[in-house]
Amino acid sequence: MSAAPEIGIVGGGLAGSLLAILCARRELRPIVVERDASFDESTTTDGRSINLALAARGIGALRYAGVLADIEPLLLPMAGRRVHEDGAERFLPYGQRRDERIYSVSRAGLSRRLFEIARDRFGVEYRFRHECTGITAAGRAQIRSAQDAYELEASFLVGADGAGSAVRRALEAAGVVRATEDMLDHGYKELTLAATAAGEFALAPEALHIWPRGNFMLIALPNLDRTFTATLFLPLTGEPSFASVGADAQSFFAVHFADAIPLIPKLEHEYNAHPVGHLGTLTCTPWSHSGRVLLIGDAAHAIVPFHGQGMNAAFEDCVELDRLFDEHGSEWPRICAEFERRRTGNAAAIATMALENYREMRDDVRSPRFRLKAELAFELERRHAKFIPRYAMVMFHPEISYAEARRRGAVQAEILELLTEGARSLGDVDFKRAAALIAERL
């Protein structure tokens, strides 16, 4: 009989599989319990899965795990945003260096690839259609399958089972964890922008496309099959909203996204077939119990998707946890305490910035003042090493924590506000004053 696993992981998605790979490299005998069917049985989606944006933090985690080369064929680079407004397109770059790009990747494709690496290269055991139904006082997961019910006898248990985490809910029911979900009053639906008749991209592929409309927006990310996954973000109630649009997507798009209609041949069908997805920010405290159970990723700190950092933050969690294994061996209580100390402030920071980025994407990008501030931020970055635009700190500088990016970003926002008062172009900016403000405040 094989030895009991050192690490039990509930959740076989992105974070669960990456953590399993890291644990297997340490010979910690991970076993992954997943409530859904195996990737071999089902790769379908229900219209609820937003395309993912892989940025430097996630790339660094994949490189750290030694699997980036396996993932790279799945990635499509995006150098900036293409803003669609008044029948025209405007390109807003994410950064000003060649490597400052983010990457569109299919959630299903990435999940499957990480699972295959964990299973085939590292021998990780996955138990699909095995559901966590509770957590014992001793910190063991109670598991149920169609054939059996048992306790997973692992030395340490990690809940990596997403925003709807069964592990977290079991801990909540036991009164040892408190969690709140702050639901956004906006939802989303996914649609498909088709490839051209020649099988090519219908829009420029090296960009995230945005149709900003003030209180709502449409975005589109490229796929390997030359389609785009489009996501409509819209209030749940009011005018306009999912409630007011009803089943008449064609009329709504004709008013607000007329140029997108020819690109979405199955608009009516997909709009009415796909459910409205809901969005929220999860706050949980503590993230651990009894020094034997730990929540990571969305199970501990789910966020809205508007900064493209949910997966990247979860991957950072995995790397941080692996480093703590280096520092503290199998001192599980110490690992739990230190993990929370290092990660909770960063989780709170990116949750706030993700919400702020929604306003920027759906509204601020339309403003000439916003565009001037973005242009000025790049110029200040060129002139002053201390000045790095907040978006760049989050997306391209993993050495800068989320918490520090938010702190510095707030200071820089004040500087940009002061320097652009009354300005219409960079020629109107007082760069001597800029240098003084940066030296004083940064």
Protein backbone atom coordinates (compact mmCIF):
# COMPACT_ATOMS: atom_id res chain seq x y z
CA MET A 1 0.00 0.00 0.00
CA SER A 2 1.35 3.43 -0.94
CA ALA A 3 2.00 6.02 1.75
CA ALA A 4 -0.66 8.58 2.55
CA PRO A 5 -0.21 11.84 0.66
CA GLU A 6 1.75 14.56 2.39
CA ILE A 7 -0.31 17.25 0.63
CA GLY A 8 -3.99 16.90 -0.21
CA ILE A 9 -5.28 19.43 -2.73
CA VAL A 10 -8.99 20.02 -3.19
CA GLY A 11 -9.51 21.51 -6.65
CA GLY A 12 -7.84 20.41 -9.86
CA GLY A 13 -8.02 23.69 -11.74
CA LEU A 14 -5.25 26.14 -12.49
CA ALA A 15 -3.93 26.78 -8.98
CA GLY A 16 -4.49 23.21 -7.84
CA SER A 17 -2.52 21.72 -10.72
CA LEU A 18 0.34 24.21 -10.51
CA LEU A 19 0.63 23.58 -6.78
CA ALA A 20 0.54 19.83 -7.40
CA ILE A 21 3.48 20.17 -9.79
CA LEU A 22 5.47 22.17 -7.25
CA CYS A 23 4.67 19.68 -4.47
CA ALA A 24 5.56 16.70 -6.65
CA ARG A 25 8.94 18.25 -7.41
CA ARG A 26 9.52 18.23 -3.65
CA GLU A 27 8.34 14.61 -3.35
CA LEU A 28 5.49 15.69 -1.09
CA ARG A 29 3.20 13.08 -2.72
CA PRO A 30 0.33 15.42 -3.64
CA ILE A 31 -3.08 14.01 -4.44
CA VAL A 32 -5.71 16.15 -6.15
CA VAL A 33 -9.43 15.75 -5.52
CA GLU A 34 -11.69 17.37 -8.12
CA ARG A 35 -15.49 17.36 -8.11
CA ASP A 36 -15.88 17.70 -11.88
CA ALA A 37 -15.24 15.21 -14.67
CA SER A 38 -11.71 14.65 -15.90
CA PHE A 39 -10.30 16.76 -18.71
CA ASP A 40 -10.29 13.61 -20.84
CA GLU A 41 -14.06 13.25 -20.45
CA SER A 42 -15.20 16.83 -20.91
CA THR A 43 -13.68 20.05 -22.19
CA THR A 44 -16.94 21.90 -22.82
CA THR A 45 -17.83 25.21 -21.21
CA ASP A 46 -21.19 26.72 -20.33
CA GLY A 47 -20.54 30.27 -21.47
CA ARG A 48 -19.36 31.35 -18.03
CA SER A 49 -15.58 31.12 -18.40
CA ILE A 50 -13.87 34.43 -19.14
CA ASN A 51 -10.71 34.22 -21.25
CA LEU A 52 -7.65 34.67 -19.12
CA ALA A 53 -4.84 37.22 -19.35
CA LEU A 54 -1.44 35.84 -18.38
CA ALA A 55 0.96 38.54 -17.20
CA ALA A 56 4.46 38.68 -15.71
CA ARG A 57 3.47 37.32 -12.30
CA GLY A 58 1.86 34.25 -13.80
CA ILE A 59 4.63 33.82 -16.35
CA GLY A 60 7.18 33.99 -13.55
CA ALA A 61 5.31 31.30 -11.62
CA LEU A 62 5.19 28.99 -14.64
CA ARG A 63 8.90 29.57 -15.24
CA TYR A 64 9.60 28.87 -11.56
CA ALA A 65 7.74 25.55 -11.91
CA GLY A 66 9.71 24.67 -15.04
CA VAL A 67 6.65 24.43 -17.28
CA LEU A 68 6.58 27.73 -19.19
CA ALA A 69 7.88 26.15 -22.40
CA ASP A 70 4.92 23.75 -22.33
CA ILE A 71 2.47 26.63 -21.97
CA GLU A 72 3.90 29.07 -24.51
CA PRO A 73 2.20 27.47 -27.56
CA LEU A 74 -1.16 28.32 -25.97
CA LEU A 75 -0.43 32.03 -25.64
CA LEU A 76 -1.39 34.95 -27.86
CA PRO A 77 0.40 38.25 -27.13
CA MET A 78 -1.54 41.47 -26.61
CA ALA A 79 0.49 44.69 -26.66
CA GLY A 80 -2.33 47.04 -25.70
CA ARG A 81 -5.98 47.98 -25.96
CA ARG A 82 -7.78 48.83 -29.17
CA VAL A 83 -10.61 51.16 -28.23
CA HIS A 84 -13.65 51.10 -30.54
CA GLU A 85 -15.65 54.30 -30.42
CA ASP A 86 -17.62 56.35 -32.96
CA GLY A 87 -16.79 53.86 -35.71
CA ALA A 88 -13.04 54.28 -35.26
CA GLU A 89 -10.24 52.40 -33.48
CA ARG A 90 -7.59 53.89 -31.23
CA PHE A 91 -4.61 51.92 -29.90
CA LEU A 92 -3.48 52.42 -26.30
CA PRO A 93 -0.29 50.46 -25.53
CA TYR A 94 0.06 48.66 -22.20
CA GLY A 95 3.70 49.63 -21.91
CA GLN A 96 6.57 51.06 -23.91
CA ARG A 97 9.02 48.15 -23.90
CA ARG A 98 8.94 45.21 -26.30
CA ASP A 99 8.41 42.70 -23.50
CA GLU A 100 5.55 44.62 -21.89
CA ARG A 101 2.74 42.45 -23.18
CA ILE A 102 0.07 40.31 -21.67
CA TYR A 103 -1.13 37.04 -23.17
CA SER A 104 -4.58 35.77 -23.98
CA VAL A 105 -5.03 32.12 -23.06
CA SER A 106 -7.97 29.74 -22.94
CA ARG A 107 -8.89 28.76 -19.39
CA ALA A 108 -9.84 25.26 -20.52
CA GLY A 109 -6.68 24.84 -22.61
CA LEU A 110 -4.38 26.01 -19.84
CA SER A 111 -6.14 23.89 -17.20
CA ARG A 112 -5.82 20.81 -19.35
CA ARG A 113 -2.14 21.39 -20.13
CA LEU A 114 -1.21 21.84 -16.46
CA PHE A 115 -3.17 18.72 -15.56
CA GLU A 116 -1.36 16.70 -18.23
CA ILE A 117 2.03 17.91 -17.01
CA ALA A 118 1.16 17.08 -13.40
CA ARG A 119 -0.18 13.64 -14.29
CA ASP A 120 2.21 12.52 -17.02
CA ARG A 121 5.49 14.15 -16.01
CA PHE A 122 5.17 14.14 -12.25
CA GLY A 123 2.86 11.19 -11.60
CA VAL A 124 0.29 13.20 -9.64
CA GLU A 125 -2.86 11.25 -8.83
CA TYR A 126 -6.13 12.99 -9.66
CA ARG A 127 -9.47 11.76 -8.35
CA PHE A 128 -12.18 13.21 -10.55
CA ARG A 129 -15.84 13.31 -9.57
CA HIS A 130 -14.75 13.23 -5.94
CA GLU A 131 -16.42 16.01 -3.97
CA CYS A 132 -15.36 17.57 -0.67
CA THR A 133 -18.40 17.50 1.64
CA GLY A 134 -16.83 18.69 4.86
CA ILE A 135 -13.72 19.18 6.99
CA THR A 136 -13.21 17.22 10.21
CA ALA A 137 -12.04 18.77 13.47
CA ALA A 138 -8.65 17.23 12.74
CA GLY A 139 -8.44 19.09 9.42
CA ARG A 140 -9.13 16.21 7.08
CA ALA A 141 -11.31 16.53 4.00
CA GLN A 142 -14.44 14.39 3.89
CA ILE A 143 -14.73 13.14 0.32
CA ARG A 144 -17.63 11.54 -1.50
CA SER A 145 -17.73 9.85 -4.91
CA ALA A 146 -20.36 7.76 -6.65
CA GLN A 147 -18.77 4.62 -5.19
CA ASP A 148 -17.38 5.68 -1.83
CA ALA A 149 -17.15 8.14 1.06
CA TYR A 150 -13.89 8.57 2.93
CA GLU A 151 -11.53 10.95 4.72
CA LEU A 152 -8.46 12.10 2.82
CA GLU A 153 -5.61 11.28 5.18
CA ALA A 154 -3.14 13.94 4.12
CA SER A 155 -0.68 15.64 6.44
CA PHE A 156 -1.66 19.06 5.08
CA LEU A 157 -4.76 20.11 3.14
CA VAL A 158 -4.97 22.95 0.62
CA GLY A 159 -8.27 24.30 -0.63
CA ALA A 160 -7.65 25.44 -4.21
CA ASP A 161 -11.24 24.93 -5.32
CA GLY A 162 -12.18 28.40 -6.50
CA ALA A 163 -14.58 31.12 -5.47
CA GLY A 164 -17.28 28.60 -4.57
CA SER A 165 -14.79 26.61 -2.50
CA ALA A 166 -16.30 23.61 -0.70
CA VAL A 167 -13.37 23.69 1.71
CA ARG A 168 -14.03 27.31 2.66
CA ARG A 169 -17.77 26.75 3.00
CA ALA A 170 -17.14 23.78 5.28
CA LEU A 171 -14.89 25.92 7.45
CA GLU A 172 -17.53 28.66 7.46
CA ALA A 173 -20.18 26.15 8.55
CA ALA A 174 -17.90 25.08 11.39
CA GLY A 175 -17.58 28.70 12.50
CA VAL A 176 -13.79 28.86 12.11
CA VAL A 177 -13.72 31.07 9.00
CA ARG A 178 -15.69 34.20 8.12
CA ALA A 179 -16.24 35.12 4.49
CA THR A 180 -18.15 37.87 2.72
CA GLU A 181 -18.93 38.19 -0.97
CA ASP A 182 -19.39 41.74 -2.23
CA MET A 183 -21.31 41.17 -5.44
CA LEU A 184 -21.01 43.67 -8.27
CA ASP A 185 -24.28 45.01 -9.65
CA HIS A 186 -22.98 44.18 -13.13
CA GLY A 187 -22.88 40.78 -14.83
CA TYR A 188 -21.51 39.36 -18.06
CA LYS A 189 -22.26 37.15 -21.06
CA GLU A 190 -19.79 35.58 -23.44
CA LEU A 191 -20.14 35.73 -27.22
CA THR A 192 -17.96 34.65 -30.15
CA LEU A 193 -16.41 36.94 -32.75
CA ALA A 194 -15.98 34.64 -35.74
CA ALA A 195 -12.93 34.27 -37.95
CA THR A 196 -13.16 35.59 -41.49
CA ALA A 197 -14.26 33.40 -44.39
CA ALA A 198 -10.55 32.91 -45.13
CA GLY A 199 -9.97 31.65 -41.59
CA GLU A 200 -8.12 34.75 -40.37
CA PHE A 201 -8.67 37.09 -37.44
CA ALA A 202 -11.44 39.60 -38.14
CA LEU A 203 -9.72 42.16 -35.88
CA ALA A 204 -6.09 42.92 -35.09
CA PRO A 205 -5.06 39.96 -32.91
CA GLU A 206 -2.27 41.56 -30.86
CA ALA A 207 -4.64 43.59 -28.71
CA LEU A 208 -7.49 43.40 -26.27
CA HIS A 209 -10.41 45.10 -28.00
CA ILE A 210 -12.74 47.33 -25.95
CA TRP A 211 -16.01 49.02 -26.84
CA PRO A 212 -16.35 51.38 -23.81
CA ARG A 213 -19.78 52.83 -23.27
CA GLY A 214 -19.60 54.59 -19.92
CA ASN A 215 -21.48 52.27 -17.57
CA PHE A 216 -20.96 49.12 -19.62
CA MET A 217 -18.63 47.67 -22.23
CA LEU A 218 -17.85 44.88 -24.66
CA ILE A 219 -14.35 43.37 -24.77
CA ALA A 220 -12.76 40.74 -27.02
CA LEU A 221 -9.65 38.58 -26.59
CA PRO A 222 -8.03 36.51 -29.37
CA ASN A 223 -8.09 32.71 -29.52
CA LEU A 224 -5.78 30.25 -31.23
CA ASP A 225 -8.52 29.26 -33.71
CA ARG A 226 -8.61 32.88 -35.02
CA THR A 227 -11.85 33.69 -33.24
CA PHE A 228 -12.21 36.16 -30.39
CA THR A 229 -14.01 35.51 -27.14
CA ALA A 230 -16.15 38.57 -26.57
CA THR A 231 -17.60 39.43 -23.18
CA LEU A 232 -20.43 41.87 -22.63
CA PHE A 233 -20.36 43.52 -19.19
CA LEU A 234 -23.64 45.19 -18.34
CA PRO A 235 -25.62 46.25 -15.23
CA LEU A 236 -28.02 43.62 -13.98
CA THR A 237 -30.90 46.09 -13.63
CA GLY A 238 -31.77 49.57 -14.80
CA GLU A 239 -31.43 51.05 -18.28
CA PRO A 240 -29.64 49.62 -20.11
CA SER A 241 -29.15 46.30 -18.34
CA PHE A 242 -29.53 42.58 -18.84
CA ALA A 243 -33.03 43.00 -17.44
CA SER A 244 -34.00 45.71 -19.93
CA VAL A 245 -32.36 44.07 -22.96
CA GLY A 246 -34.31 40.88 -22.39
CA ALA A 247 -33.97 38.55 -25.37
CA ASP A 248 -33.55 41.32 -27.98
CA ALA A 249 -29.77 41.46 -28.19
CA GLN A 250 -29.87 42.49 -31.85
CA SER A 251 -31.63 45.78 -31.16
CA PHE A 252 -29.37 46.56 -28.20
CA PHE A 253 -26.22 45.91 -30.24
CA ALA A 254 -27.57 47.93 -33.17
CA VAL A 255 -27.67 50.98 -30.88
CA HIS A 256 -24.46 50.49 -28.90
CA PHE A 257 -22.16 48.10 -30.80
CA ALA A 258 -23.26 48.32 -34.42
CA ASP A 259 -19.75 47.71 -35.78
CA ALA A 260 -19.51 44.47 -33.82
CA ILE A 261 -22.73 42.93 -35.18
CA PRO A 262 -21.18 41.66 -38.46
CA LEU A 263 -18.45 39.97 -36.42
CA ILE A 264 -20.86 37.98 -34.20
CA PRO A 265 -22.90 35.80 -36.57
CA LYS A 266 -24.55 33.85 -33.72
CA LEU A 267 -25.34 36.90 -31.63
CA GLU A 268 -28.99 36.14 -30.86
CA HIS A 269 -28.40 32.44 -30.27
CA GLU A 270 -25.38 32.87 -27.99
CA TYR A 271 -26.87 35.79 -26.10
CA ASN A 272 -30.00 33.84 -25.25
CA ALA A 273 -28.26 30.49 -24.71
CA HIS A 274 -25.55 31.72 -22.36
CA PRO A 275 -26.44 32.55 -18.76
CA VAL A 276 -25.59 35.83 -17.10
CA GLY A 277 -22.41 35.37 -15.10
CA HIS A 278 -22.07 37.12 -11.78
CA LEU A 279 -19.05 39.01 -10.45
CA GLY A 280 -17.88 39.70 -6.95
CA THR A 281 -15.03 40.19 -4.51
CA LEU A 282 -14.50 37.57 -1.82
CA THR A 283 -13.01 38.54 1.55
CA CYS A 284 -12.13 35.72 3.90
CA THR A 285 -10.52 35.58 7.33
CA PRO A 286 -8.57 33.65 8.37
CA TRP A 287 -7.30 31.69 5.38
CA SER A 288 -6.32 28.68 7.46
CA HIS A 289 -7.57 26.41 10.25
CA SER A 290 -5.78 24.38 12.92
CA GLY A 291 -2.45 24.75 11.18
CA ARG A 292 -3.45 21.92 8.81
CA VAL A 293 -5.87 23.47 6.30
CA LEU A 294 -5.02 26.41 4.03
CA LEU A 295 -7.05 28.28 1.39
CA ILE A 296 -5.29 29.71 -1.66
CA GLY A 297 -6.26 31.53 -4.85
CA ASP A 298 -9.93 32.29 -5.45
CA ALA A 299 -10.92 30.08 -2.52
CA ALA A 300 -9.40 32.73 -0.24
CA HIS A 301 -9.54 35.96 -2.26
CA ALA A 302 -11.61 35.88 -5.45
CA ILE A 303 -11.69 39.19 -7.33
CA VAL A 304 -13.46 40.70 -10.32
CA PRO A 305 -11.65 40.08 -13.64
CA PHE A 306 -11.01 43.63 -14.81
CA HIS A 307 -7.29 43.71 -14.11
CA GLY A 308 -6.73 40.19 -15.46
CA GLN A 309 -4.99 39.21 -12.23
CA GLY A 310 -7.08 36.47 -10.60
CA MET A 311 -5.06 33.63 -12.10
CA ASN A 312 -1.79 35.53 -11.77
CA ALA A 313 -2.42 36.17 -8.07
CA ALA A 314 -3.31 32.50 -7.53
CA PHE A 315 -0.10 31.42 -9.26
CA GLU A 316 1.83 33.82 -7.00
CA ASP A 317 0.17 32.10 -4.04
CA CYS A 318 1.49 28.75 -5.25
CA VAL A 319 5.05 30.05 -5.55
CA GLU A 320 4.91 31.72 -2.14
CA LEU A 321 3.66 28.51 -0.56
CA ASP A 322 6.41 26.50 -2.24
CA ARG A 323 9.03 28.92 -0.91
CA LEU A 324 7.60 28.52 2.57
CA PHE A 325 8.10 24.75 2.26
CA ASP A 326 11.76 25.62 1.66
CA GLU A 327 11.91 27.87 4.70
CA HIS A 328 9.86 25.85 7.18
CA GLY A 329 9.75 22.26 5.95
CA SER A 330 6.60 20.58 7.28
CA GLU A 331 5.91 23.06 10.08
CA TRP A 332 2.37 23.46 8.77
CA PRO A 333 1.06 25.94 11.42
CA ARG A 334 4.02 28.23 10.85
CA ILE A 335 3.59 27.96 7.08
CA CYS A 336 -0.10 28.91 7.34
CA ALA A 337 0.60 31.92 9.54
CA GLU A 338 3.43 33.21 7.39
CA PHE A 339 1.51 32.65 4.15
CA GLU A 340 -1.36 34.78 5.41
CA ARG A 341 1.01 37.46 6.68
CA ARG A 342 2.67 37.75 3.27
CA ARG A 343 -0.38 37.48 1.06
CA THR A 344 -3.45 39.07 2.67
CA GLY A 345 -2.39 42.69 2.12
CA ASN A 346 -1.53 41.96 -1.49
CA ALA A 347 -4.87 40.21 -2.05
CA ALA A 348 -6.74 43.21 -0.69
CA ALA A 349 -4.73 45.58 -2.88
CA ILE A 350 -5.37 43.76 -6.16
CA ALA A 351 -9.05 43.36 -5.31
CA THR A 352 -9.36 47.14 -5.03
CA MET A 353 -7.32 47.82 -8.16
CA ALA A 354 -9.40 45.32 -10.16
CA LEU A 355 -12.58 47.22 -9.32
CA GLU A 356 -10.92 50.52 -10.21
CA ASN A 357 -9.79 49.11 -13.54
CA TYR A 358 -13.40 48.37 -14.52
CA ARG A 359 -14.22 52.08 -14.44
CA GLU A 360 -11.06 52.79 -16.43
CA MET A 361 -11.90 50.23 -19.14
CA ARG A 362 -15.57 51.05 -19.59
CA ASP A 363 -15.34 54.83 -19.23
CA ASP A 364 -12.01 56.57 -18.52
CA VAL A 365 -10.31 55.37 -21.72
CA ARG A 366 -12.70 57.62 -23.67
CA SER A 367 -11.42 60.78 -21.97
CA PRO A 368 -8.76 63.04 -23.54
CA ARG A 369 -7.53 63.79 -19.99
CA PHE A 370 -7.03 60.06 -19.36
CA ARG A 371 -5.07 59.71 -22.58
CA LEU A 372 -2.90 62.71 -21.69
CA LYS A 373 -2.18 61.24 -18.25
CA ALA A 374 -1.24 57.91 -19.84
CA GLU A 375 1.08 59.66 -22.30
CA LEU A 376 2.62 61.69 -19.49
CA ALA A 377 3.10 58.57 -17.34
CA PHE A 378 5.15 56.99 -20.14
CA GLU A 379 7.22 60.16 -20.51
CA LEU A 380 7.90 60.32 -16.77
CA GLU A 381 8.85 56.65 -16.81
CA ARG A 382 11.41 57.42 -19.53
CA ARG A 383 12.84 60.34 -17.53
CA HIS A 384 12.69 59.01 -13.96
CA ALA A 385 13.54 55.50 -12.81
CA LYS A 386 11.30 55.87 -9.76
CA PHE A 387 8.17 56.47 -11.84
CA ILE A 388 6.52 53.32 -13.19
CA PRO A 389 2.86 53.52 -14.28
CA ARG A 390 0.62 51.58 -11.92
CA TYR A 391 -0.68 49.30 -14.66
CA ALA A 392 2.90 48.39 -15.53
CA MET A 393 3.75 47.73 -11.88
CA VAL A 394 0.86 45.28 -11.62
CA MET A 395 1.27 43.58 -14.98
CA PHE A 396 5.00 43.68 -15.74
CA HIS A 397 6.85 44.06 -12.43
CA PRO A 398 6.34 41.01 -10.21
CA GLU A 399 9.18 42.24 -8.00
CA ILE A 400 6.79 45.01 -6.88
CA SER A 401 4.05 43.64 -4.65
CA TYR A 402 0.39 44.41 -5.31
CA ALA A 403 0.25 46.37 -2.06
CA GLU A 404 3.26 48.49 -3.02
CA ALA A 405 1.90 49.03 -6.54
CA ARG A 406 -1.32 50.35 -5.08
CA ARG A 407 0.51 52.63 -2.62
CA ARG A 408 2.88 54.06 -5.21
CA GLY A 409 0.10 54.23 -7.78
CA ALA A 410 -1.96 56.50 -5.53
CA VAL A 411 0.97 58.90 -5.12
CA GLN A 412 1.65 58.91 -8.85
CA ALA A 413 -2.03 59.54 -9.62
CA GLU A 414 -1.84 62.70 -7.50
CA ILE A 415 1.30 63.80 -9.37
CA LEU A 416 -0.34 63.22 -12.76
CA GLU A 417 -3.44 65.11 -11.64
CA LEU A 418 -1.37 68.12 -10.59
CA LEU A 419 0.76 68.14 -13.75
CA THR A 420 -2.17 67.91 -16.19
CA GLU A 421 -4.35 70.61 -14.67
CA GLY A 422 -5.15 72.92 -17.56
CA ALA A 423 -2.88 70.99 -19.94
CA ARG A 424 -3.92 69.82 -23.38
CA SER A 425 -0.68 68.16 -24.46
CA LEU A 426 2.73 67.20 -23.13
CA GLY A 427 3.97 70.57 -24.32
CA ASP A 428 1.90 72.18 -21.58
CA VAL A 429 3.45 70.10 -18.78
CA ASP A 430 6.02 71.61 -16.43
CA PHE A 431 8.68 68.88 -16.32
CA LYS A 432 10.82 70.74 -13.77
CA ARG A 433 7.85 70.64 -11.42
CA ALA A 434 7.39 66.97 -12.30
CA ALA A 435 10.98 66.20 -11.31
CA ALA A 436 10.53 68.03 -8.00
CA LEU A 437 7.27 66.22 -7.20
CA ILE A 438 8.76 62.82 -8.00
CA ALA A 439 11.87 63.51 -5.88
CA GLU A 440 9.71 64.69 -2.99
CA ARG A 441 6.91 62.09 -3.05
CA LEU A 442 8.48 58.95 -4.53
